[in-house]
Amino acid sequence: MDTTAWIIVAVVIVVVIIAVAVLLNGRGRRREEAQRAKAQEIREQAAAQQVELQRREAEAARLDAQARLAQAEADARAADAAALQNEARAHAEEASGARSELQDRLSHADRIDPDVAVDESQPAPTAEQPAQTWEQPAPTRETRA
């Protein structure tokens, strides 16, 4: 082969190499563009998910605040109920003491009344055992002539 043929072969090889490089470079650019487009799509989806996530977080915070308020109200009601129970207990103790005192006064009146016969076989009621007048026979009143 002569020199011109070698030059032509060398030029063809260089042209083929340049064409392959341009084709590969074009594919790389298209791939980069596709990757850029895919990345942009992922960012847009993430932005949409971010809005939804913020809405869920706000709803969770609202429900948490509502639950804490309900718990505080329940605690306040429980404290009120405990105070009422203590007050009822105090009133019951006071009433029991008053009933015992009343029963003692009535028993004393029956003992000193000459017109009332008292049954001494029954024990006098105590503060722990208030008198139950519906179960005990009433003292009989006898008139002495």
N, C-alpha and C. Protein backbone atom coordinates (compact mmCIF):
# COMPACT_ATOMS: atom_id res chain seq x y z
N MET A 1 0.82 -1.15 0.00
CA MET A 1 0.00 0.00 0.00
C MET A 1 0.89 1.24 0.00
N ASP A 2 0.39 2.16 -0.71
CA ASP A 2 1.21 3.35 -0.78
C ASP A 2 0.83 4.31 0.34
N THR A 3 1.50 5.38 0.39
CA THR A 3 1.35 6.33 1.49
C THR A 3 -0.03 6.96 1.46
N THR A 4 -0.56 7.24 0.32
CA THR A 4 -1.86 7.85 0.24
C THR A 4 -2.91 6.92 0.81
N ALA A 5 -2.81 5.67 0.56
CA ALA A 5 -3.75 4.69 1.08
C ALA A 5 -3.66 4.65 2.59
N TRP A 6 -2.42 4.71 3.08
CA TRP A 6 -2.26 4.70 4.55
C TRP A 6 -2.85 5.98 5.17
N ILE A 7 -2.69 7.05 4.50
CA ILE A 7 -3.23 8.31 5.01
C ILE A 7 -4.76 8.22 5.00
N ILE A 8 -5.33 7.70 3.91
CA ILE A 8 -6.78 7.57 3.81
C ILE A 8 -7.29 6.63 4.91
N VAL A 9 -6.61 5.52 5.11
CA VAL A 9 -7.01 4.57 6.16
C VAL A 9 -6.91 5.24 7.52
N ALA A 10 -5.87 6.00 7.77
CA ALA A 10 -5.68 6.68 9.04
C ALA A 10 -6.77 7.72 9.24
N VAL A 11 -7.10 8.46 8.18
CA VAL A 11 -8.16 9.48 8.29
C VAL A 11 -9.49 8.80 8.54
N VAL A 12 -9.78 7.70 7.87
CA VAL A 12 -11.04 6.97 8.08
C VAL A 12 -11.10 6.47 9.52
N ILE A 13 -10.03 5.94 10.01
CA ILE A 13 -9.99 5.43 11.39
C ILE A 13 -10.23 6.58 12.36
N VAL A 14 -9.58 7.73 12.13
CA VAL A 14 -9.76 8.89 13.00
C VAL A 14 -11.21 9.35 12.93
N VAL A 15 -11.79 9.39 11.72
CA VAL A 15 -13.17 9.82 11.56
C VAL A 15 -14.11 8.84 12.28
N VAL A 16 -13.86 7.56 12.18
CA VAL A 16 -14.68 6.55 12.86
C VAL A 16 -14.56 6.72 14.37
N ILE A 17 -13.36 6.93 14.86
CA ILE A 17 -13.14 7.13 16.30
C ILE A 17 -13.88 8.38 16.77
N ILE A 18 -13.80 9.45 16.00
CA ILE A 18 -14.48 10.70 16.36
C ILE A 18 -16.00 10.47 16.35
N ALA A 19 -16.49 9.74 15.33
CA ALA A 19 -17.93 9.47 15.23
C ALA A 19 -18.39 8.63 16.42
N VAL A 20 -17.62 7.64 16.80
CA VAL A 20 -17.96 6.80 17.97
C VAL A 20 -17.93 7.65 19.24
N ALA A 21 -16.95 8.51 19.36
CA ALA A 21 -16.85 9.38 20.53
C ALA A 21 -18.05 10.32 20.60
N VAL A 22 -18.44 10.87 19.45
CA VAL A 22 -19.60 11.78 19.42
C VAL A 22 -20.87 11.01 19.76
N LEU A 23 -21.03 9.81 19.23
CA LEU A 23 -22.20 9.00 19.54
C LEU A 23 -22.25 8.64 21.03
N LEU A 24 -21.12 8.24 21.56
CA LEU A 24 -21.07 7.91 22.99
C LEU A 24 -21.33 9.14 23.85
N ASN A 25 -20.77 10.26 23.43
CA ASN A 25 -20.98 11.50 24.17
C ASN A 25 -22.45 11.90 24.10
N GLY A 26 -23.09 11.72 22.98
CA GLY A 26 -24.51 12.03 22.83
C GLY A 26 -25.36 11.12 23.71
N ARG A 27 -25.02 9.85 23.77
CA ARG A 27 -25.74 8.92 24.64
C ARG A 27 -25.56 9.33 26.10
N GLY A 28 -24.34 9.73 26.47
CA GLY A 28 -24.07 10.17 27.84
C GLY A 28 -24.90 11.39 28.19
N ARG A 29 -25.01 12.32 27.22
CA ARG A 29 -25.81 13.52 27.47
C ARG A 29 -27.29 13.16 27.63
N ARG A 30 -27.77 12.27 26.76
CA ARG A 30 -29.17 11.85 26.88
C ARG A 30 -29.40 11.14 28.21
N ARG A 31 -28.45 10.34 28.61
CA ARG A 31 -28.57 9.65 29.89
C ARG A 31 -28.57 10.66 31.03
N GLU A 32 -27.68 11.66 30.97
CA GLU A 32 -27.64 12.70 32.00
C GLU A 32 -28.96 13.47 32.05
N GLU A 33 -29.51 13.79 30.87
CA GLU A 33 -30.79 14.49 30.81
C GLU A 33 -31.90 13.62 31.42
N ALA A 34 -31.87 12.33 31.11
CA ALA A 34 -32.87 11.42 31.66
C ALA A 34 -32.72 11.35 33.19
N GLN A 35 -31.48 11.31 33.65
CA GLN A 35 -31.23 11.28 35.09
C GLN A 35 -31.68 12.59 35.75
N ARG A 36 -31.42 13.71 35.09
CA ARG A 36 -31.87 15.00 35.62
C ARG A 36 -33.40 15.03 35.72
N ALA A 37 -34.06 14.55 34.66
CA ALA A 37 -35.53 14.53 34.65
C ALA A 37 -36.06 13.61 35.75
N LYS A 38 -35.43 12.47 35.93
CA LYS A 38 -35.84 11.52 36.97
C LYS A 38 -35.63 12.14 38.36
N ALA A 39 -34.50 12.80 38.56
CA ALA A 39 -34.22 13.46 39.84
C ALA A 39 -35.25 14.55 40.11
N GLN A 40 -35.61 15.32 39.08
CA GLN A 40 -36.61 16.38 39.25
C GLN A 40 -37.97 15.76 39.62
N GLU A 41 -38.33 14.68 38.98
CA GLU A 41 -39.58 13.99 39.29
C GLU A 41 -39.59 13.49 40.74
N ILE A 42 -38.48 12.94 41.18
CA ILE A 42 -38.37 12.47 42.58
C ILE A 42 -38.50 13.63 43.55
N ARG A 43 -37.87 14.77 43.22
CA ARG A 43 -37.98 15.96 44.08
C ARG A 43 -39.43 16.46 44.17
N GLU A 44 -40.13 16.45 43.05
CA GLU A 44 -41.52 16.89 43.05
C GLU A 44 -42.39 15.95 43.89
N GLN A 45 -42.16 14.65 43.77
CA GLN A 45 -42.90 13.69 44.58
C GLN A 45 -42.59 13.88 46.06
N ALA A 46 -41.32 14.12 46.36
CA ALA A 46 -40.93 14.34 47.75
C ALA A 46 -41.57 15.61 48.31
N ALA A 47 -41.68 16.64 47.48
CA ALA A 47 -42.33 17.89 47.93
C ALA A 47 -43.80 17.63 48.22
N ALA A 48 -44.46 16.86 47.38
CA ALA A 48 -45.87 16.52 47.62
C ALA A 48 -46.01 15.68 48.89
N GLN A 49 -45.11 14.75 49.09
CA GLN A 49 -45.13 13.93 50.30
C GLN A 49 -44.82 14.77 51.54
N GLN A 50 -43.97 15.78 51.39
CA GLN A 50 -43.63 16.67 52.51
C GLN A 50 -44.88 17.40 52.99
N VAL A 51 -45.70 17.88 52.06
CA VAL A 51 -46.94 18.58 52.42
C VAL A 51 -47.87 17.62 53.17
N GLU A 52 -48.03 16.42 52.66
CA GLU A 52 -48.88 15.42 53.31
C GLU A 52 -48.34 15.05 54.68
N LEU A 53 -47.03 14.91 54.80
CA LEU A 53 -46.41 14.59 56.08
C LEU A 53 -46.64 15.72 57.09
N GLN A 54 -46.51 16.95 56.66
CA GLN A 54 -46.77 18.07 57.56
C GLN A 54 -48.23 18.10 58.00
N ARG A 55 -49.15 17.75 57.11
CA ARG A 55 -50.56 17.69 57.47
C ARG A 55 -50.80 16.60 58.52
N ARG A 56 -50.18 15.44 58.33
CA ARG A 56 -50.31 14.35 59.31
C ARG A 56 -49.72 14.73 60.66
N GLU A 57 -48.56 15.38 60.63
CA GLU A 57 -47.93 15.81 61.89
C GLU A 57 -48.81 16.82 62.62
N ALA A 58 -49.41 17.74 61.87
CA ALA A 58 -50.31 18.73 62.48
C ALA A 58 -51.53 18.05 63.08
N GLU A 59 -52.06 17.07 62.39
CA GLU A 59 -53.21 16.31 62.91
C GLU A 59 -52.83 15.55 64.17
N ALA A 60 -51.65 14.94 64.16
CA ALA A 60 -51.19 14.22 65.35
C ALA A 60 -51.00 15.17 66.53
N ALA A 61 -50.47 16.34 66.28
CA ALA A 61 -50.28 17.32 67.36
C ALA A 61 -51.63 17.80 67.88
N ARG A 62 -52.60 17.99 66.98
CA ARG A 62 -53.94 18.42 67.40
C ARG A 62 -54.59 17.34 68.27
N LEU A 63 -54.49 16.09 67.84
CA LEU A 63 -55.08 14.99 68.61
C LEU A 63 -54.38 14.83 69.96
N ASP A 64 -53.07 15.04 69.98
CA ASP A 64 -52.33 14.95 71.25
C ASP A 64 -52.78 16.04 72.20
N ALA A 65 -52.95 17.25 71.70
CA ALA A 65 -53.43 18.35 72.55
C ALA A 65 -54.84 18.07 73.05
N GLN A 66 -55.67 17.53 72.18
CA GLN A 66 -57.04 17.20 72.58
C GLN A 66 -57.03 16.11 73.65
N ALA A 67 -56.17 15.12 73.50
CA ALA A 67 -56.07 14.05 74.50
C ALA A 67 -55.56 14.58 75.83
N ARG A 68 -54.57 15.48 75.79
CA ARG A 68 -54.07 16.06 77.04
C ARG A 68 -55.15 16.89 77.72
N LEU A 69 -55.94 17.62 76.95
CA LEU A 69 -57.04 18.40 77.52
C LEU A 69 -58.07 17.48 78.16
N ALA A 70 -58.44 16.42 77.46
CA ALA A 70 -59.41 15.46 78.01
C ALA A 70 -58.87 14.82 79.29
N GLN A 71 -57.58 14.50 79.30
CA GLN A 71 -56.97 13.91 80.49
C GLN A 71 -56.99 14.89 81.65
N ALA A 72 -56.71 16.15 81.37
CA ALA A 72 -56.73 17.17 82.42
C ALA A 72 -58.15 17.33 82.96
N GLU A 73 -59.14 17.32 82.07
CA GLU A 73 -60.52 17.42 82.52
C GLU A 73 -60.90 16.20 83.36
N ALA A 74 -60.47 15.03 82.94
CA ALA A 74 -60.76 13.81 83.70
C ALA A 74 -60.09 13.86 85.07
N ASP A 75 -58.86 14.35 85.10
CA ASP A 75 -58.16 14.48 86.39
C ASP A 75 -58.89 15.46 87.30
N ALA A 76 -59.37 16.56 86.72
CA ALA A 76 -60.11 17.55 87.51
C ALA A 76 -61.40 16.93 88.04
N ARG A 77 -62.11 16.18 87.18
CA ARG A 77 -63.34 15.52 87.63
C ARG A 77 -63.04 14.49 88.71
N ALA A 78 -61.94 13.76 88.57
CA ALA A 78 -61.57 12.77 89.59
C ALA A 78 -61.25 13.47 90.91
N ALA A 79 -60.58 14.61 90.83
CA ALA A 79 -60.28 15.36 92.06
C ALA A 79 -61.57 15.87 92.69
N ASP A 80 -62.50 16.35 91.86
CA ASP A 80 -63.79 16.80 92.38
C ASP A 80 -64.54 15.64 93.03
N ALA A 81 -64.52 14.49 92.39
CA ALA A 81 -65.20 13.32 92.93
C ALA A 81 -64.58 12.91 94.26
N ALA A 82 -63.25 12.94 94.35
CA ALA A 82 -62.57 12.58 95.60
C ALA A 82 -62.95 13.57 96.70
N ALA A 83 -63.01 14.85 96.35
CA ALA A 83 -63.39 15.87 97.35
C ALA A 83 -64.82 15.64 97.80
N LEU A 84 -65.72 15.33 96.87
CA LEU A 84 -67.11 15.06 97.24
C LEU A 84 -67.22 13.81 98.10
N GLN A 85 -66.41 12.79 97.79
CA GLN A 85 -66.42 11.58 98.62
C GLN A 85 -65.93 11.90 100.03
N ASN A 86 -64.90 12.70 100.13
CA ASN A 86 -64.41 13.09 101.46
C ASN A 86 -65.46 13.88 102.22
N GLU A 87 -66.13 14.79 101.51
CA GLU A 87 -67.17 15.59 102.14
C GLU A 87 -68.33 14.70 102.58
N ALA A 88 -68.71 13.75 101.72
CA ALA A 88 -69.80 12.83 102.07
C ALA A 88 -69.41 11.98 103.27
N ARG A 89 -68.17 11.52 103.30
CA ARG A 89 -67.68 10.72 104.42
C ARG A 89 -67.73 11.53 105.71
N ALA A 90 -67.31 12.81 105.63
CA ALA A 90 -67.33 13.67 106.81
C ALA A 90 -68.76 13.90 107.28
N HIS A 91 -69.67 14.13 106.34
CA HIS A 91 -71.07 14.31 106.71
C HIS A 91 -71.65 13.04 107.32
N ALA A 92 -71.29 11.89 106.76
CA ALA A 92 -71.78 10.62 107.29
C ALA A 92 -71.26 10.40 108.71
N GLU A 93 -70.00 10.72 108.93
CA GLU A 93 -69.44 10.58 110.28
C GLU A 93 -70.13 11.54 111.24
N GLU A 94 -70.37 12.76 110.79
CA GLU A 94 -71.05 13.75 111.62
C GLU A 94 -72.48 13.29 111.92
N ALA A 95 -73.18 12.76 110.90
CA ALA A 95 -74.54 12.28 111.10
C ALA A 95 -74.56 11.08 112.04
N SER A 96 -73.57 10.21 111.89
CA SER A 96 -73.50 9.05 112.77
C SER A 96 -73.30 9.48 114.21
N GLY A 97 -72.41 10.44 114.41
CA GLY A 97 -72.20 10.96 115.76
C GLY A 97 -73.45 11.63 116.30
N ALA A 98 -74.14 12.39 115.45
CA ALA A 98 -75.38 13.04 115.88
C ALA A 98 -76.45 12.02 116.20
N ARG A 99 -76.51 10.95 115.38
CA ARG A 99 -77.50 9.88 115.64
C ARG A 99 -77.19 9.21 116.97
N SER A 100 -75.94 8.94 117.22
CA SER A 100 -75.56 8.30 118.48
C SER A 100 -75.91 9.20 119.66
N GLU A 101 -75.60 10.48 119.51
CA GLU A 101 -75.92 11.42 120.59
C GLU A 101 -77.43 11.49 120.80
N LEU A 102 -78.19 11.50 119.70
CA LEU A 102 -79.64 11.54 119.80
C LEU A 102 -80.16 10.28 120.48
N GLN A 103 -79.62 9.14 120.09
CA GLN A 103 -80.05 7.88 120.69
C GLN A 103 -79.72 7.86 122.18
N ASP A 104 -78.55 8.38 122.54
CA ASP A 104 -78.18 8.45 123.96
C ASP A 104 -79.15 9.34 124.72
N ARG A 105 -79.51 10.46 124.12
CA ARG A 105 -80.44 11.38 124.79
C ARG A 105 -81.81 10.74 124.95
N LEU A 106 -82.26 10.02 123.89
CA LEU A 106 -83.56 9.36 124.01
C LEU A 106 -83.52 8.25 125.04
N SER A 107 -82.44 7.49 125.07
CA SER A 107 -82.30 6.43 126.07
C SER A 107 -82.29 7.02 127.47
N HIS A 108 -81.58 8.12 127.63
CA HIS A 108 -81.52 8.78 128.93
C HIS A 108 -82.91 9.27 129.33
N ALA A 109 -83.65 9.86 128.37
CA ALA A 109 -85.01 10.32 128.65
C ALA A 109 -85.90 9.17 129.06
N ASP A 110 -85.75 8.02 128.34
CA ASP A 110 -86.56 6.85 128.68
C ASP A 110 -86.20 6.31 130.07
N ARG A 111 -84.93 6.35 130.45
CA ARG A 111 -84.51 5.85 131.76
C ARG A 111 -85.03 6.72 132.89
N ILE A 112 -85.09 8.02 132.68
CA ILE A 112 -85.51 8.88 133.78
C ILE A 112 -87.02 9.12 133.79
N ASP A 113 -87.71 8.74 132.72
CA ASP A 113 -89.17 8.93 132.66
C ASP A 113 -89.84 7.84 133.47
N PRO A 114 -90.61 8.22 134.50
CA PRO A 114 -91.27 7.20 135.32
C PRO A 114 -92.40 6.51 134.57
N ASP A 115 -92.88 7.05 133.47
CA ASP A 115 -93.99 6.45 132.74
C ASP A 115 -93.52 5.46 131.67
N VAL A 116 -92.20 5.30 131.46
CA VAL A 116 -91.67 4.42 130.40
C VAL A 116 -90.95 3.26 131.05
N ALA A 117 -91.36 2.03 130.65
CA ALA A 117 -90.65 0.84 131.11
C ALA A 117 -89.57 0.51 130.09
N VAL A 118 -88.33 0.48 130.54
CA VAL A 118 -87.20 0.26 129.63
C VAL A 118 -86.76 -1.18 129.74
N ASP A 119 -86.53 -1.83 128.59
CA ASP A 119 -86.03 -3.20 128.57
C ASP A 119 -84.52 -3.13 128.74
N GLU A 120 -84.00 -3.52 129.86
CA GLU A 120 -82.57 -3.43 130.17
C GLU A 120 -81.78 -4.58 129.54
N SER A 121 -82.47 -5.58 128.97
CA SER A 121 -81.74 -6.73 128.40
C SER A 121 -81.07 -6.38 127.07
N GLN A 122 -81.56 -5.35 126.38
CA GLN A 122 -80.95 -4.95 125.12
C GLN A 122 -79.82 -3.98 125.39
N PRO A 123 -78.64 -4.20 124.73
CA PRO A 123 -77.54 -3.27 124.96
C PRO A 123 -77.84 -1.92 124.31
N ALA A 124 -77.27 -0.90 124.89
CA ALA A 124 -77.43 0.43 124.32
C ALA A 124 -76.65 0.52 123.02
N PRO A 125 -77.17 1.18 122.02
CA PRO A 125 -76.44 1.29 120.74
C PRO A 125 -75.18 2.13 120.93
N THR A 126 -74.17 1.81 120.11
CA THR A 126 -72.90 2.54 120.14
C THR A 126 -72.79 3.41 118.90
N ALA A 127 -71.76 4.24 118.86
CA ALA A 127 -71.56 5.11 117.70
C ALA A 127 -71.27 4.28 116.45
N GLU A 128 -70.58 3.14 116.61
CA GLU A 128 -70.29 2.29 115.46
C GLU A 128 -71.52 1.54 115.00
N GLN A 129 -72.46 1.30 115.94
CA GLN A 129 -73.69 0.60 115.64
C GLN A 129 -74.84 1.53 115.98
N PRO A 130 -75.23 2.40 115.08
CA PRO A 130 -76.31 3.33 115.41
C PRO A 130 -77.61 2.57 115.64
N ALA A 131 -78.45 3.16 116.42
CA ALA A 131 -79.73 2.53 116.73
C ALA A 131 -80.56 2.42 115.47
N GLN A 132 -81.19 1.30 115.30
CA GLN A 132 -82.08 1.10 114.17
C GLN A 132 -83.47 0.91 114.74
N THR A 133 -84.18 1.97 114.81
CA THR A 133 -85.46 1.95 115.49
C THR A 133 -86.48 1.08 114.77
N TRP A 134 -86.31 0.79 113.50
CA TRP A 134 -87.28 -0.03 112.79
C TRP A 134 -87.13 -1.50 113.12
N GLU A 135 -86.01 -1.91 113.70
CA GLU A 135 -85.82 -3.30 114.07
C GLU A 135 -85.97 -3.51 115.57
N GLN A 136 -85.85 -2.48 116.35
CA GLN A 136 -85.95 -2.62 117.80
C GLN A 136 -87.37 -2.28 118.24
N PRO A 137 -87.85 -3.00 119.21
CA PRO A 137 -89.19 -2.65 119.71
C PRO A 137 -89.12 -1.32 120.45
N ALA A 138 -90.11 -0.54 120.26
CA ALA A 138 -90.17 0.75 120.93
C ALA A 138 -90.41 0.52 122.42
N PRO A 139 -89.85 1.40 123.26
CA PRO A 139 -90.12 1.24 124.70
C PRO A 139 -91.62 1.41 124.95
N THR A 140 -92.08 0.64 125.89
CA THR A 140 -93.51 0.72 126.19
C THR A 140 -93.74 1.77 127.25
N ARG A 141 -94.74 2.52 127.07
CA ARG A 141 -95.08 3.54 128.06
C ARG A 141 -96.24 2.99 128.90
N GLU A 142 -95.97 2.92 130.13
CA GLU A 142 -97.00 2.47 131.06
C GLU A 142 -97.36 3.62 131.95
N THR A 143 -98.55 3.81 132.10
CA THR A 143 -98.97 4.88 133.01
C THR A 143 -99.20 4.28 134.37
N ARG A 144 -98.74 4.93 135.34
CA ARG A 144 -98.93 4.46 136.68
C ARG A 144 -100.10 5.23 137.30
N ALA A 145 -101.00 4.52 137.87
CA ALA A 145 -102.17 5.17 138.45
C ALA A 145 -102.00 5.49 139.90
